[in-house]
PDB file of N, CA and C in Angstrom:
ATOM      1  N   UNK A   1      87.720  50.018  75.552  1.00  0.00           N
ATOM      2  CA  UNK A   1      87.149  51.133  76.273  1.00  0.00           C
ATOM      3  C   UNK A   1      88.218  51.679  77.211  1.00  0.00           C
ATOM      4  N   UNK A   2      88.337  52.967  77.174  1.00  0.00           N
ATOM      5  CA  UNK A   2      89.376  53.624  77.961  1.00  0.00           C
ATOM      6  C   UNK A   2      88.795  54.762  78.779  1.00  0.00           C
ATOM      7  N   UNK A   3      89.521  55.113  79.836  1.00  0.00           N
ATOM      8  CA  UNK A   3      89.201  56.290  80.628  1.00  0.00           C
ATOM      9  C   UNK A   3      90.477  57.111  80.749  1.00  0.00           C
ATOM     10  N   UNK A   4      90.331  58.414  80.642  1.00  0.00           N
ATOM     11  CA  UNK A   4      91.466  59.325  80.772  1.00  0.00           C
ATOM     12  C   UNK A   4      91.495  59.859  82.203  1.00  0.00           C
ATOM     13  N   UNK A   5      92.605  59.626  82.898  1.00  0.00           N
ATOM     14  CA  UNK A   5      92.774  60.116  84.264  1.00  0.00           C
ATOM     15  C   UNK A   5      94.206  60.563  84.472  1.00  0.00           C
ATOM     16  N   UNK A   6      94.356  61.727  85.039  1.00  0.00           N
ATOM     17  CA  UNK A   6      95.679  62.192  85.400  1.00  0.00           C
ATOM     18  C   UNK A   6      96.637  62.154  84.212  1.00  0.00           C
ATOM     19  N   UNK A   7      96.142  62.586  83.044  1.00  0.00           N
ATOM     20  CA  UNK A   7      96.918  62.593  81.805  1.00  0.00           C
ATOM     21  C   UNK A   7      97.376  61.207  81.374  1.00  0.00           C
ATOM     22  N   UNK A   8      96.645  60.178  81.790  1.00  0.00           N
ATOM     23  CA  UNK A   8      96.949  58.805  81.399  1.00  0.00           C
ATOM     24  C   UNK A   8      95.700  58.168  80.823  1.00  0.00           C
ATOM     25  N   UNK A   9      95.904  57.287  79.882  1.00  0.00           N
ATOM     26  CA  UNK A   9      94.807  56.492  79.354  1.00  0.00           C
ATOM     27  C   UNK A   9      94.857  55.133  80.037  1.00  0.00           C
ATOM     28  N   UNK A  10      93.756  54.785  80.669  1.00  0.00           N
ATOM     29  CA  UNK A  10      93.677  53.502  81.368  1.00  0.00           C
ATOM     30  C   UNK A  10      92.619  52.663  80.655  1.00  0.00           C
ATOM     31  N   UNK A  11      93.020  51.469  80.230  1.00  0.00           N
ATOM     32  CA  UNK A  11      92.092  50.590  79.532  1.00  0.00           C
ATOM     33  C   UNK A  11      91.200  49.884  80.546  1.00  0.00           C
ATOM     34  N   UNK A  12      89.907  49.952  80.301  1.00  0.00           N
ATOM     35  CA  UNK A  12      88.951  49.282  81.177  1.00  0.00           C
ATOM     36  C   UNK A  12      88.775  47.841  80.718  1.00  0.00           C
ATOM     37  N   UNK A  13      88.602  46.919  81.643  1.00  0.00           N
ATOM     38  CA  UNK A  13      88.380  45.525  81.252  1.00  0.00           C
ATOM     39  C   UNK A  13      86.966  45.350  80.701  1.00  0.00           C
ATOM     40  N   UNK A  14      86.724  44.184  80.134  1.00  0.00           N
ATOM     41  CA  UNK A  14      85.368  43.915  79.655  1.00  0.00           C
ATOM     42  C   UNK A  14      84.411  43.924  80.843  1.00  0.00           C
ATOM     43  N   UNK A  15      83.169  44.272  80.574  1.00  0.00           N
ATOM     44  CA  UNK A  15      82.153  44.288  81.629  1.00  0.00           C
ATOM     45  C   UNK A  15      81.732  42.852  81.892  1.00  0.00           C
ATOM     46  N   UNK A  16      81.921  42.409  83.106  1.00  0.00           N
ATOM     47  CA  UNK A  16      81.583  41.044  83.494  1.00  0.00           C
ATOM     48  C   UNK A  16      80.461  41.071  84.522  1.00  0.00           C
ATOM     49  N   UNK A  17      79.911  39.912  84.823  1.00  0.00           N
ATOM     50  CA  UNK A  17      78.869  39.830  85.851  1.00  0.00           C
ATOM     51  C   UNK A  17      79.423  40.321  87.192  1.00  0.00           C
ATOM     52  N   UNK A  18      80.670  39.980  87.489  1.00  0.00           N
ATOM     53  CA  UNK A  18      81.271  40.412  88.754  1.00  0.00           C
ATOM     54  C   UNK A  18      81.299  41.935  88.842  1.00  0.00           C
ATOM     55  N   UNK A  19      81.745  42.598  87.771  1.00  0.00           N
ATOM     56  CA  UNK A  19      81.801  44.059  87.783  1.00  0.00           C
ATOM     57  C   UNK A  19      80.400  44.663  87.809  1.00  0.00           C
ATOM     58  N   UNK A  20      79.490  44.060  87.081  1.00  0.00           N
ATOM     59  CA  UNK A  20      78.110  44.542  87.066  1.00  0.00           C
ATOM     60  C   UNK A  20      77.492  44.446  88.456  1.00  0.00           C
ATOM     61  N   UNK A  21      77.746  43.354  89.160  1.00  0.00           N
ATOM     62  CA  UNK A  21      77.220  43.186  90.526  1.00  0.00           C
ATOM     63  C   UNK A  21      77.844  44.203  91.482  1.00  0.00           C
ATOM     64  N   UNK A  22      79.129  44.491  91.281  1.00  0.00           N
ATOM     65  CA  UNK A  22      79.772  45.517  92.126  1.00  0.00           C
ATOM     66  C   UNK A  22      79.103  46.871  91.900  1.00  0.00           C
ATOM     67  N   UNK A  23      78.849  47.192  90.626  1.00  0.00           N
ATOM     68  CA  UNK A  23      78.196  48.462  90.297  1.00  0.00           C
ATOM     69  C   UNK A  23      76.801  48.511  90.920  1.00  0.00           C
ATOM     70  N   UNK A  24      76.056  47.426  90.816  1.00  0.00           N
ATOM     71  CA  UNK A  24      74.730  47.374  91.427  1.00  0.00           C
ATOM     72  C   UNK A  24      74.831  47.550  92.938  1.00  0.00           C
ATOM     73  N   UNK A  25      75.886  47.008  93.530  1.00  0.00           N
ATOM     74  CA  UNK A  25      76.093  47.158  94.971  1.00  0.00           C
ATOM     75  C   UNK A  25      76.239  48.613  95.370  1.00  0.00           C
ATOM     76  N   UNK A  26      76.915  49.385  94.537  1.00  0.00           N
ATOM     77  CA  UNK A  26      77.062  50.815  94.810  1.00  0.00           C
ATOM     78  C   UNK A  26      75.711  51.502  94.657  1.00  0.00           C
ATOM     79  N   UNK A  27      75.030  51.199  93.567  1.00  0.00           N
ATOM     80  CA  UNK A  27      73.769  51.878  93.274  1.00  0.00           C
ATOM     81  C   UNK A  27      72.674  51.539  94.273  1.00  0.00           C
ATOM     82  N   UNK A  28      72.733  50.351  94.857  1.00  0.00           N
ATOM     83  CA  UNK A  28      71.678  49.926  95.783  1.00  0.00           C
ATOM     84  C   UNK A  28      72.161  49.845  97.229  1.00  0.00           C
ATOM     85  N   UNK A  29      73.264  50.507  97.498  1.00  0.00           N
ATOM     86  CA  UNK A  29      73.814  50.493  98.860  1.00  0.00           C
ATOM     87  C   UNK A  29      72.856  51.177  99.825  1.00  0.00           C
ATOM     88  N   UNK A  30      72.981  50.794 101.078  1.00  0.00           N
ATOM     89  CA  UNK A  30      72.204  51.481 102.106  1.00  0.00           C
ATOM     90  C   UNK A  30      72.456  52.968 101.953  1.00  0.00           C
ATOM     91  N   UNK A  31      71.459  53.745 102.235  1.00  0.00           N
ATOM     92  CA  UNK A  31      71.573  55.179 102.005  1.00  0.00           C
ATOM     93  C   UNK A  31      72.321  55.901 103.129  1.00  0.00           C
ATOM     94  N   UNK A  32      73.402  55.299 103.577  1.00  0.00           N
ATOM     95  CA  UNK A  32      74.289  55.983 104.507  1.00  0.00           C
ATOM     96  C   UNK A  32      75.557  56.309 103.740  1.00  0.00           C
ATOM     97  N   UNK A  33      76.052  57.487 103.927  1.00  0.00           N
ATOM     98  CA  UNK A  33      77.159  57.946 103.091  1.00  0.00           C
ATOM     99  C   UNK A  33      78.396  57.062 103.201  1.00  0.00           C
ATOM    100  N   UNK A  34      78.700  56.557 104.380  1.00  0.00           N
ATOM    101  CA  UNK A  34      79.924  55.752 104.502  1.00  0.00           C
ATOM    102  C   UNK A  34      79.835  54.471 103.685  1.00  0.00           C
ATOM    103  N   UNK A  35      78.673  53.851 103.627  1.00  0.00           N
ATOM    104  CA  UNK A  35      78.517  52.618 102.851  1.00  0.00           C
ATOM    105  C   UNK A  35      78.598  52.917 101.355  1.00  0.00           C
ATOM    106  N   UNK A  36      77.898  53.948 100.914  1.00  0.00           N
ATOM    107  CA  UNK A  36      77.897  54.296  99.490  1.00  0.00           C
ATOM    108  C   UNK A  36      79.301  54.661  99.018  1.00  0.00           C
ATOM    109  N   UNK A  37      79.974  55.539  99.758  1.00  0.00           N
ATOM    110  CA  UNK A  37      81.315  55.969  99.349  1.00  0.00           C
ATOM    111  C   UNK A  37      82.303  54.813  99.379  1.00  0.00           C
ATOM    112  N   UNK A  38      82.191  53.942 100.366  1.00  0.00           N
ATOM    113  CA  UNK A  38      83.105  52.793 100.463  1.00  0.00           C
ATOM    114  C   UNK A  38      82.908  51.862  99.265  1.00  0.00           C
ATOM    115  N   UNK A  39      81.661  51.602  98.918  1.00  0.00           N
ATOM    116  CA  UNK A  39      81.401  50.723  97.771  1.00  0.00           C
ATOM    117  C   UNK A  39      81.869  51.368  96.468  1.00  0.00           C
ATOM    118  N   UNK A  40      81.655  52.666  96.318  1.00  0.00           N
ATOM    119  CA  UNK A  40      82.126  53.369  95.114  1.00  0.00           C
ATOM    120  C   UNK A  40      83.647  53.330  95.037  1.00  0.00           C
ATOM    121  N   UNK A  41      84.301  53.547  96.174  1.00  0.00           N
ATOM    122  CA  UNK A  41      85.768  53.520  96.232  1.00  0.00           C
ATOM    123  C   UNK A  41      86.284  52.132  95.873  1.00  0.00           C
ATOM    124  N   UNK A  42      85.673  51.087  96.437  1.00  0.00           N
ATOM    125  CA  UNK A  42      86.089  49.718  96.128  1.00  0.00           C
ATOM    126  C   UNK A  42      85.905  49.409  94.643  1.00  0.00           C
ATOM    127  N   UNK A  43      84.827  49.910  94.071  1.00  0.00           N
ATOM    128  CA  UNK A  43      84.553  49.681  92.650  1.00  0.00           C
ATOM    129  C   UNK A  43      85.610  50.360  91.783  1.00  0.00           C
ATOM    130  N   UNK A  44      85.907  51.607  92.063  1.00  0.00           N
ATOM    131  CA  UNK A  44      86.876  52.370  91.274  1.00  0.00           C
ATOM    132  C   UNK A  44      88.274  51.762  91.391  1.00  0.00           C
ATOM    133  N   UNK A  45      88.618  51.237  92.567  1.00  0.00           N
ATOM    134  CA  UNK A  45      89.944  50.633  92.769  1.00  0.00           C
ATOM    135  C   UNK A  45      90.174  49.421  91.878  1.00  0.00           C
ATOM    136  N   UNK A  46      89.101  48.790  91.409  1.00  0.00           N
ATOM    137  CA  UNK A  46      89.244  47.644  90.518  1.00  0.00           C
ATOM    138  C   UNK A  46      89.857  48.077  89.184  1.00  0.00           C
ATOM    139  N   UNK A  47      89.592  49.299  88.775  1.00  0.00           N
ATOM    140  CA  UNK A  47      89.975  49.768  87.448  1.00  0.00           C
ATOM    141  C   UNK A  47      91.241  50.616  87.414  1.00  0.00           C
ATOM    142  N   UNK A  48      91.465  51.396  88.445  1.00  0.00           N
ATOM    143  CA  UNK A  48      92.522  52.397  88.423  1.00  0.00           C
ATOM    144  C   UNK A  48      93.677  51.953  89.310  1.00  0.00           C
ATOM    145  N   UNK A  49      94.913  51.953  88.763  1.00  0.00           N
ATOM    146  CA  UNK A  49      96.065  51.598  89.599  1.00  0.00           C
ATOM    147  C   UNK A  49      96.141  52.508  90.830  1.00  0.00           C
ATOM    148  N   UNK A  50      96.540  51.947  91.950  1.00  0.00           N
ATOM    149  CA  UNK A  50      96.542  52.645  93.239  1.00  0.00           C
ATOM    150  C   UNK A  50      97.286  53.976  93.179  1.00  0.00           C
ATOM    151  N   UNK A  51      98.458  53.990  92.575  1.00  0.00           N
ATOM    152  CA  UNK A  51      99.252  55.226  92.521  1.00  0.00           C
ATOM    153  C   UNK A  51      98.496  56.322  91.777  1.00  0.00           C
ATOM    154  N   UNK A  52      97.872  55.973  90.669  1.00  0.00           N
ATOM    155  CA  UNK A  52      97.095  56.951  89.910  1.00  0.00           C
ATOM    156  C   UNK A  52      95.863  57.389  90.693  1.00  0.00           C
ATOM    157  N   UNK A  53      95.228  56.439  91.341  1.00  0.00           N
ATOM    158  CA  UNK A  53      94.019  56.745  92.098  1.00  0.00           C
ATOM    159  C   UNK A  53      94.316  57.690  93.258  1.00  0.00           C
ATOM    160  N   UNK A  54      95.431  57.465  93.936  1.00  0.00           N
ATOM    161  CA  UNK A  54      95.818  58.351  95.048  1.00  0.00           C
ATOM    162  C   UNK A  54      95.984  59.790  94.574  1.00  0.00           C
ATOM    163  N   UNK A  55      96.550  59.952  93.381  1.00  0.00           N
ATOM    164  CA  UNK A  55      96.759  61.298  92.833  1.00  0.00           C
ATOM    165  C   UNK A  55      95.424  61.916  92.416  1.00  0.00           C
ATOM    166  N   UNK A  56      94.637  61.164  91.651  1.00  0.00           N
ATOM    167  CA  UNK A  56      93.369  61.688  91.142  1.00  0.00           C
ATOM    168  C   UNK A  56      92.409  62.027  92.285  1.00  0.00           C
ATOM    169  N   UNK A  57      92.363  61.166  93.295  1.00  0.00           N
ATOM    170  CA  UNK A  57      91.424  61.373  94.402  1.00  0.00           C
ATOM    171  C   UNK A  57      92.027  62.183  95.544  1.00  0.00           C
ATOM    172  N   UNK A  58      93.288  62.557  95.385  1.00  0.00           N
ATOM    173  CA  UNK A  58      93.970  63.404  96.361  1.00  0.00           C
ATOM    174  C   UNK A  58      93.910  62.836  97.783  1.00  0.00           C
ATOM    175  N   UNK A  59      94.262  61.564  97.892  1.00  0.00           N
ATOM    176  CA  UNK A  59      94.299  60.918  99.204  1.00  0.00           C
ATOM    177  C   UNK A  59      94.684  59.464  99.066  1.00  0.00           C
ATOM    178  N   UNK A  60      95.131  58.885 100.166  1.00  0.00           N
ATOM    179  CA  UNK A  60      95.601  57.505 100.126  1.00  0.00           C
ATOM    180  C   UNK A  60      94.608  56.513 100.704  1.00  0.00           C
ATOM    181  N   UNK A  61      93.540  56.995 101.335  1.00  0.00           N
ATOM    182  CA  UNK A  61      92.527  56.073 101.850  1.00  0.00           C
ATOM    183  C   UNK A  61      91.159  56.751 101.834  1.00  0.00           C
ATOM    184  N   UNK A  62      90.145  55.990 102.120  1.00  0.00           N
ATOM    185  CA  UNK A  62      88.767  56.458 102.004  1.00  0.00           C
ATOM    186  C   UNK A  62      88.487  57.688 102.872  1.00  0.00           C
ATOM    187  N   UNK A  63      89.178  57.836 103.979  1.00  0.00           N
ATOM    188  CA  UNK A  63      88.933  58.962 104.879  1.00  0.00           C
ATOM    189  C   UNK A  63      89.577  60.265 104.398  1.00  0.00           C
ATOM    190  N   UNK A  64      90.501  60.170 103.449  1.00  0.00           N
ATOM    191  CA  UNK A  64      91.236  61.354 102.992  1.00  0.00           C
ATOM    192  C   UNK A  64      90.863  61.805 101.582  1.00  0.00           C
ATOM    193  N   UNK A  65      90.253  60.928 100.797  1.00  0.00           N
ATOM    194  CA  UNK A  65      90.062  61.236  99.377  1.00  0.00           C
ATOM    195  C   UNK A  65      89.018  62.323  99.143  1.00  0.00           C
ATOM    196  N   UNK A  66      89.089  62.896  97.953  1.00  0.00           N
ATOM    197  CA  UNK A  66      88.120  63.899  97.498  1.00  0.00           C
ATOM    198  C   UNK A  66      86.897  63.152  96.968  1.00  0.00           C
ATOM    199  N   UNK A  67      85.789  63.236  97.690  1.00  0.00           N
ATOM    200  CA  UNK A  67      84.596  62.488  97.322  1.00  0.00           C
ATOM    201  C   UNK A  67      83.969  62.986  96.020  1.00  0.00           C
ATOM    202  N   UNK A  68      84.161  64.252  95.709  1.00  0.00           N
ATOM    203  CA  UNK A  68      83.656  64.769  94.432  1.00  0.00           C
ATOM    204  C   UNK A  68      84.399  64.091  93.279  1.00  0.00           C
ATOM    205  N   UNK A  69      85.709  63.990  93.401  1.00  0.00           N
ATOM    206  CA  UNK A  69      86.493  63.313  92.356  1.00  0.00           C
ATOM    207  C   UNK A  69      86.158  61.826  92.297  1.00  0.00           C
ATOM    208  N   UNK A  70      85.943  61.207  93.449  1.00  0.00           N
ATOM    209  CA  UNK A  70      85.538  59.799  93.462  1.00  0.00           C
ATOM    210  C   UNK A  70      84.236  59.637  92.673  1.00  0.00           C
ATOM    211  N   UNK A  71      83.289  60.498  92.936  1.00  0.00           N
ATOM    212  CA  UNK A  71      82.021  60.443  92.215  1.00  0.00           C
ATOM    213  C   UNK A  71      82.228  60.644  90.717  1.00  0.00           C
ATOM    214  N   UNK A  72      83.094  61.577  90.346  1.00  0.00           N
ATOM    215  CA  UNK A  72      83.362  61.835  88.924  1.00  0.00           C
ATOM    216  C   UNK A  72      83.962  60.610  88.236  1.00  0.00           C
ATOM    217  N   UNK A  73      84.949  59.987  88.875  1.00  0.00           N
ATOM    218  CA  UNK A  73      85.597  58.810  88.286  1.00  0.00           C
ATOM    219  C   UNK A  73      84.606  57.656  88.193  1.00  0.00           C
ATOM    220  N   UNK A  74      83.869  57.431  89.271  1.00  0.00           N
ATOM    221  CA  UNK A  74      82.865  56.362  89.285  1.00  0.00           C
ATOM    222  C   UNK A  74      81.850  56.576  88.154  1.00  0.00           C
ATOM    223  N   UNK A  75      81.328  57.794  88.051  1.00  0.00           N
ATOM    224  CA  UNK A  75      80.328  58.108  87.035  1.00  0.00           C
ATOM    225  C   UNK A  75      80.896  57.939  85.631  1.00  0.00           C
ATOM    226  N   UNK A  76      82.132  58.354  85.420  1.00  0.00           N
ATOM    227  CA  UNK A  76      82.767  58.192  84.104  1.00  0.00           C
ATOM    228  C   UNK A  76      82.852  56.715  83.719  1.00  0.00           C
ATOM    229  N   UNK A  77      83.276  55.877  84.643  1.00  0.00           N
ATOM    230  CA  UNK A  77      83.412  54.444  84.360  1.00  0.00           C
ATOM    231  C   UNK A  77      82.045  53.843  84.033  1.00  0.00           C
ATOM    232  N   UNK A  78      81.055  54.140  84.852  1.00  0.00           N
ATOM    233  CA  UNK A  78      79.707  53.612  84.624  1.00  0.00           C
ATOM    234  C   UNK A  78      79.170  54.082  83.273  1.00  0.00           C
ATOM    235  N   UNK A  79      79.401  55.340  82.944  1.00  0.00           N
ATOM    236  CA  UNK A  79      78.915  55.891  81.680  1.00  0.00           C
ATOM    237  C   UNK A  79      79.580  55.225  80.485  1.00  0.00           C
ATOM    238  N   UNK A  80      80.863  54.959  80.572  1.00  0.00           N
ATOM    239  CA  UNK A  80      81.583  54.292  79.482  1.00  0.00           C
ATOM    240  C   UNK A  80      80.963  52.926  79.201  1.00  0.00           C
ATOM    241  N   UNK A  81      80.710  52.147  80.248  1.00  0.00           N
ATOM    242  CA  UNK A  81      80.099  50.835  80.070  1.00  0.00           C
ATOM    243  C   UNK A  81      78.656  50.957  79.571  1.00  0.00           C
ATOM    244  N   UNK A  82      77.909  51.891  80.115  1.00  0.00           N
ATOM    245  CA  UNK A  82      76.515  52.081  79.701  1.00  0.00           C
ATOM    246  C   UNK A  82      76.451  52.434  78.212  1.00  0.00           C
ATOM    247  N   UNK A  83      77.311  53.333  77.773  1.00  0.00           N
ATOM    248  CA  UNK A  83      77.335  53.720  76.362  1.00  0.00           C
ATOM    249  C   UNK A  83      77.700  52.543  75.467  1.00  0.00           C
ATOM    250  N   UNK A  84      78.633  51.722  75.914  1.00  0.00           N
ATOM    251  CA  UNK A  84      79.034  50.550  75.130  1.00  0.00           C
ATOM    252  C   UNK A  84      77.872  49.563  75.007  1.00  0.00           C
ATOM    253  N   UNK A  85      77.096  49.417  76.071  1.00  0.00           N
ATOM    254  CA  UNK A  85      75.950  48.507  76.031  1.00  0.00           C
ATOM    255  C   UNK A  85      74.818  49.057  75.152  1.00  0.00           C
ATOM    256  N   UNK A  86      74.660  50.349  75.125  1.00  0.00           N
ATOM    257  CA  UNK A  86      73.556  50.961  74.383  1.00  0.00           C
ATOM    258  C   UNK A  86      73.897  51.252  72.924  1.00  0.00           C
ATOM    259  N   UNK A  87      75.163  51.207  72.556  1.00  0.00           N
ATOM    260  CA  UNK A  87      75.578  51.545  71.189  1.00  0.00           C
ATOM    261  C   UNK A  87      74.863  50.698  70.127  1.00  0.00           C
ATOM    262  N   UNK A  88      74.760  49.378  70.284  1.00  0.00           N
ATOM    263  CA  UNK A  88      74.057  48.595  69.257  1.00  0.00           C
ATOM    264  C   UNK A  88      72.578  48.986  69.126  1.00  0.00           C
ATOM    265  N   UNK A  89      71.926  49.298  70.243  1.00  0.00           N
ATOM    266  CA  UNK A  89      70.521  49.718  70.192  1.00  0.00           C
ATOM    267  C   UNK A  89      70.397  51.044  69.446  1.00  0.00           C
ATOM    268  N   UNK A  90      71.308  51.951  69.716  1.00  0.00           N
ATOM    269  CA  UNK A  90      71.280  53.256  69.043  1.00  0.00           C
ATOM    270  C   UNK A  90      71.496  53.095  67.544  1.00  0.00           C
ATOM    271  N   UNK A  91      72.401  52.225  67.163  1.00  0.00           N
ATOM    272  CA  UNK A  91      72.668  51.986  65.748  1.00  0.00           C
ATOM    273  C   UNK A  91      71.438  51.399  65.065  1.00  0.00           C
ATOM    274  N   UNK A  92      70.775  50.456  65.706  1.00  0.00           N
ATOM    275  CA  UNK A  92      69.560  49.866  65.144  1.00  0.00           C
ATOM    276  C   UNK A  92      68.470  50.927  64.992  1.00  0.00           C
ATOM    277  N   UNK A  93      68.351  51.806  65.968  1.00  0.00           N
ATOM    278  CA  UNK A  93      67.365  52.886  65.896  1.00  0.00           C
ATOM    279  C   UNK A  93      67.686  53.825  64.744  1.00  0.00           C
ATOM    280  N   UNK A  94      68.960  54.181  64.583  1.00  0.00           N
ATOM    281  CA  UNK A  94      69.363  55.042  63.469  1.00  0.00           C
ATOM    282  C   UNK A  94      69.024  54.395  62.126  1.00  0.00           C
ATOM    283  N   UNK A  95      69.274  53.089  62.031  1.00  0.00           N
ATOM    284  CA  UNK A  95      68.977  52.377  60.786  1.00  0.00           C
ATOM    285  C   UNK A  95      67.480  52.401  60.483  1.00  0.00           C
ATOM    286  N   UNK A  96      66.652  52.216  61.502  1.00  0.00           N
ATOM    287  CA  UNK A  96      65.190  52.251  61.312  1.00  0.00           C
ATOM    288  C   UNK A  96      64.752  53.638  60.858  1.00  0.00           C
ATOM    289  N   UNK A  97      65.318  54.675  61.463  1.00  0.00           N
ATOM    290  CA  UNK A  97      64.978  56.049  61.078  1.00  0.00           C
ATOM    291  C   UNK A  97      65.376  56.297  59.628  1.00  0.00           C
ATOM    292  N   UNK A  98      66.555  55.819  59.245  1.00  0.00           N
ATOM    293  CA  UNK A  98      66.997  55.978  57.852  1.00  0.00           C
ATOM    294  C   UNK A  98      66.038  55.266  56.888  1.00  0.00           C
ATOM    295  N   UNK A  99      65.606  54.048  57.268  1.00  0.00           N
ATOM    296  CA  UNK A  99      64.656  53.307  56.436  1.00  0.00           C
ATOM    297  C   UNK A  99      63.342  54.070  56.312  1.00  0.00           C
ATOM    298  N   UNK A 100      62.854  54.579  57.430  1.00  0.00           N
ATOM    299  CA  UNK A 100      61.588  55.314  57.430  1.00  0.00           C
ATOM    300  C   UNK A 100      61.717  56.598  56.620  1.00  0.00           C
ATOM    301  N   UNK A 101      62.860  57.244  56.723  1.00  0.00           N
ATOM    302  CA  UNK A 101      63.099  58.476  55.980  1.00  0.00           C
ATOM    303  C   UNK A 101      63.043  58.207  54.482  1.00  0.00           C
ATOM    304  N   UNK A 102      63.618  57.094  54.070  1.00  0.00           N
ATOM    305  CA  UNK A 102      63.578  56.712  52.661  1.00  0.00           C
ATOM    306  C   UNK A 102      62.149  56.447  52.200  1.00  0.00           C
ATOM    307  N   UNK A 103      61.362  55.787  53.036  1.00  0.00           N
ATOM    308  CA  UNK A 103      59.969  55.500  52.701  1.00  0.00           C
ATOM    309  C   UNK A 103      59.169  56.799  52.606  1.00  0.00           C
ATOM    310  N   UNK A 104      59.406  57.720  53.510  1.00  0.00           N
ATOM    311  CA  UNK A 104      58.702  59.010  53.489  1.00  0.00           C
ATOM    312  C   UNK A 104      59.057  59.772  52.219  1.00  0.00           C
ATOM    313  N   UNK A 105      60.321  59.750  51.831  1.00  0.00           N
ATOM    314  CA  UNK A 105      60.737  60.423  50.593  1.00  0.00           C
ATOM    315  C   UNK A 105      60.017  59.829  49.383  1.00  0.00           C
ATOM    316  N   UNK A 106      59.927  58.509  49.346  1.00  0.00           N
ATOM    317  CA  UNK A 106      59.245  57.835  48.233  1.00  0.00           C
ATOM    318  C   UNK A 106      57.766  58.216  48.193  1.00  0.00           C
ATOM    319  N   UNK A 107      57.105  58.187  49.334  1.00  0.00           N
ATOM    320  CA  UNK A 107      55.688  58.552  49.410  1.00  0.00           C
ATOM    321  C   UNK A 107      55.498  60.000  48.967  1.00  0.00           C
ATOM    322  N   UNK A 108      56.392  60.859  49.397  1.00  0.00           N
ATOM    323  CA  UNK A 108      56.315  62.273  49.025  1.00  0.00           C
ATOM    324  C   UNK A 108      56.451  62.437  47.517  1.00  0.00           C
ATOM    325  N   UNK A 109      57.366  61.720  46.903  1.00  0.00           N
ATOM    326  CA  UNK A 109      57.560  61.804  45.451  1.00  0.00           C
ATOM    327  C   UNK A 109      56.330  61.283  44.706  1.00  0.00           C
ATOM    328  N   UNK A 110      55.768  60.199  45.182  1.00  0.00           N
ATOM    329  CA  UNK A 110      54.563  59.643  44.544  1.00  0.00           C
ATOM    330  C   UNK A 110      53.416  60.644  44.665  1.00  0.00           C
ATOM    331  N   UNK A 111      53.264  61.237  45.835  1.00  0.00           N
ATOM    332  CA  UNK A 111      52.186  62.211  46.055  1.00  0.00           C
ATOM    333  C   UNK A 111      52.384  63.444  45.147  1.00  0.00           C
ATOM    334  N   UNK A 112      53.606  63.889  45.037  1.00  0.00           N
ATOM    335  CA  UNK A 112      53.890  65.047  44.170  1.00  0.00           C
ATOM    336  C   UNK A 112      53.574  64.709  42.708  1.00  0.00           C
ATOM    337  N   UNK A 113      53.994  63.530  42.265  1.00  0.00           N
ATOM    338  CA  UNK A 113      53.734  63.100  40.879  1.00  0.00           C
ATOM    339  C   UNK A 113      52.237  62.970  40.631  1.00  0.00           C
ATOM    340  N   UNK A 114      51.537  62.374  41.598  1.00  0.00           N
ATOM    341  CA  UNK A 114      50.082  62.221  41.454  1.00  0.00           C
ATOM    342  C   UNK A 114      49.411  63.577  41.391  1.00  0.00           C
ATOM    343  N   UNK A 115      49.865  64.516  42.193  1.00  0.00           N
ATOM    344  CA  UNK A 115      49.300  65.855  42.202  1.00  0.00           C
ATOM    345  C   UNK A 115      49.547  66.547  40.860  1.00  0.00           C
ATOM    346  N   UNK A 116      50.730  66.354  40.312  1.00  0.00           N
ATOM    347  CA  UNK A 116      51.062  66.975  39.019  1.00  0.00           C
ATOM    348  C   UNK A 116      50.208  66.378  37.885  1.00  0.00           C
ATOM    349  N   UNK A 117      49.816  65.131  38.050  1.00  0.00           N
ATOM    350  CA  UNK A 117      48.966  64.473  37.031  1.00  0.00           C
ATOM    351  C   UNK A 117      47.488  64.752  37.282  1.00  0.00           C
ATOM    352  N   UNK A 118      47.201  65.468  38.336  1.00  0.00           N
ATOM    353  CA  UNK A 118      45.819  65.799  38.650  1.00  0.00           C
ATOM    354  C   UNK A 118      45.095  64.711  39.396  1.00  0.00           C
ATOM    355  N   UNK A 119      45.793  63.733  39.882  1.00  0.00           N
ATOM    356  CA  UNK A 119      45.180  62.650  40.664  1.00  0.00           C
ATOM    357  C   UNK A 119      45.112  63.097  42.105  1.00  0.00           C
ATOM    358  N   UNK A 120      43.916  63.030  42.659  1.00  0.00           N
ATOM    359  CA  UNK A 120      43.756  63.462  44.051  1.00  0.00           C
ATOM    360  C   UNK A 120      43.226  62.359  44.904  1.00  0.00           C
TER     361      UNK A 120
END
């Protein structure tokens, strides 16, 4: 899993309990902006090298960075992991739909044949 930032591809590590707990910490932080932004910043720093992060967030510390960009990077990382976790479920759902579609086609063909034979 990768994230594109500042014309660079950065490989994300596997999702671990530690990273998941950090993400939950951001999502369930006290509803004061300084706590939420600090937790989001700490979370993003785990993934993005400092030099790249300073450029992307346009600042060298939490008081100077662009909070909109911080939110964008944080959201991108969370979305990448969420999509990776949901991919197997989506594939299973697609397979079930394909199976059902095949069954519907068969039923439709049988009904058409029965109708042509005058069976009602």
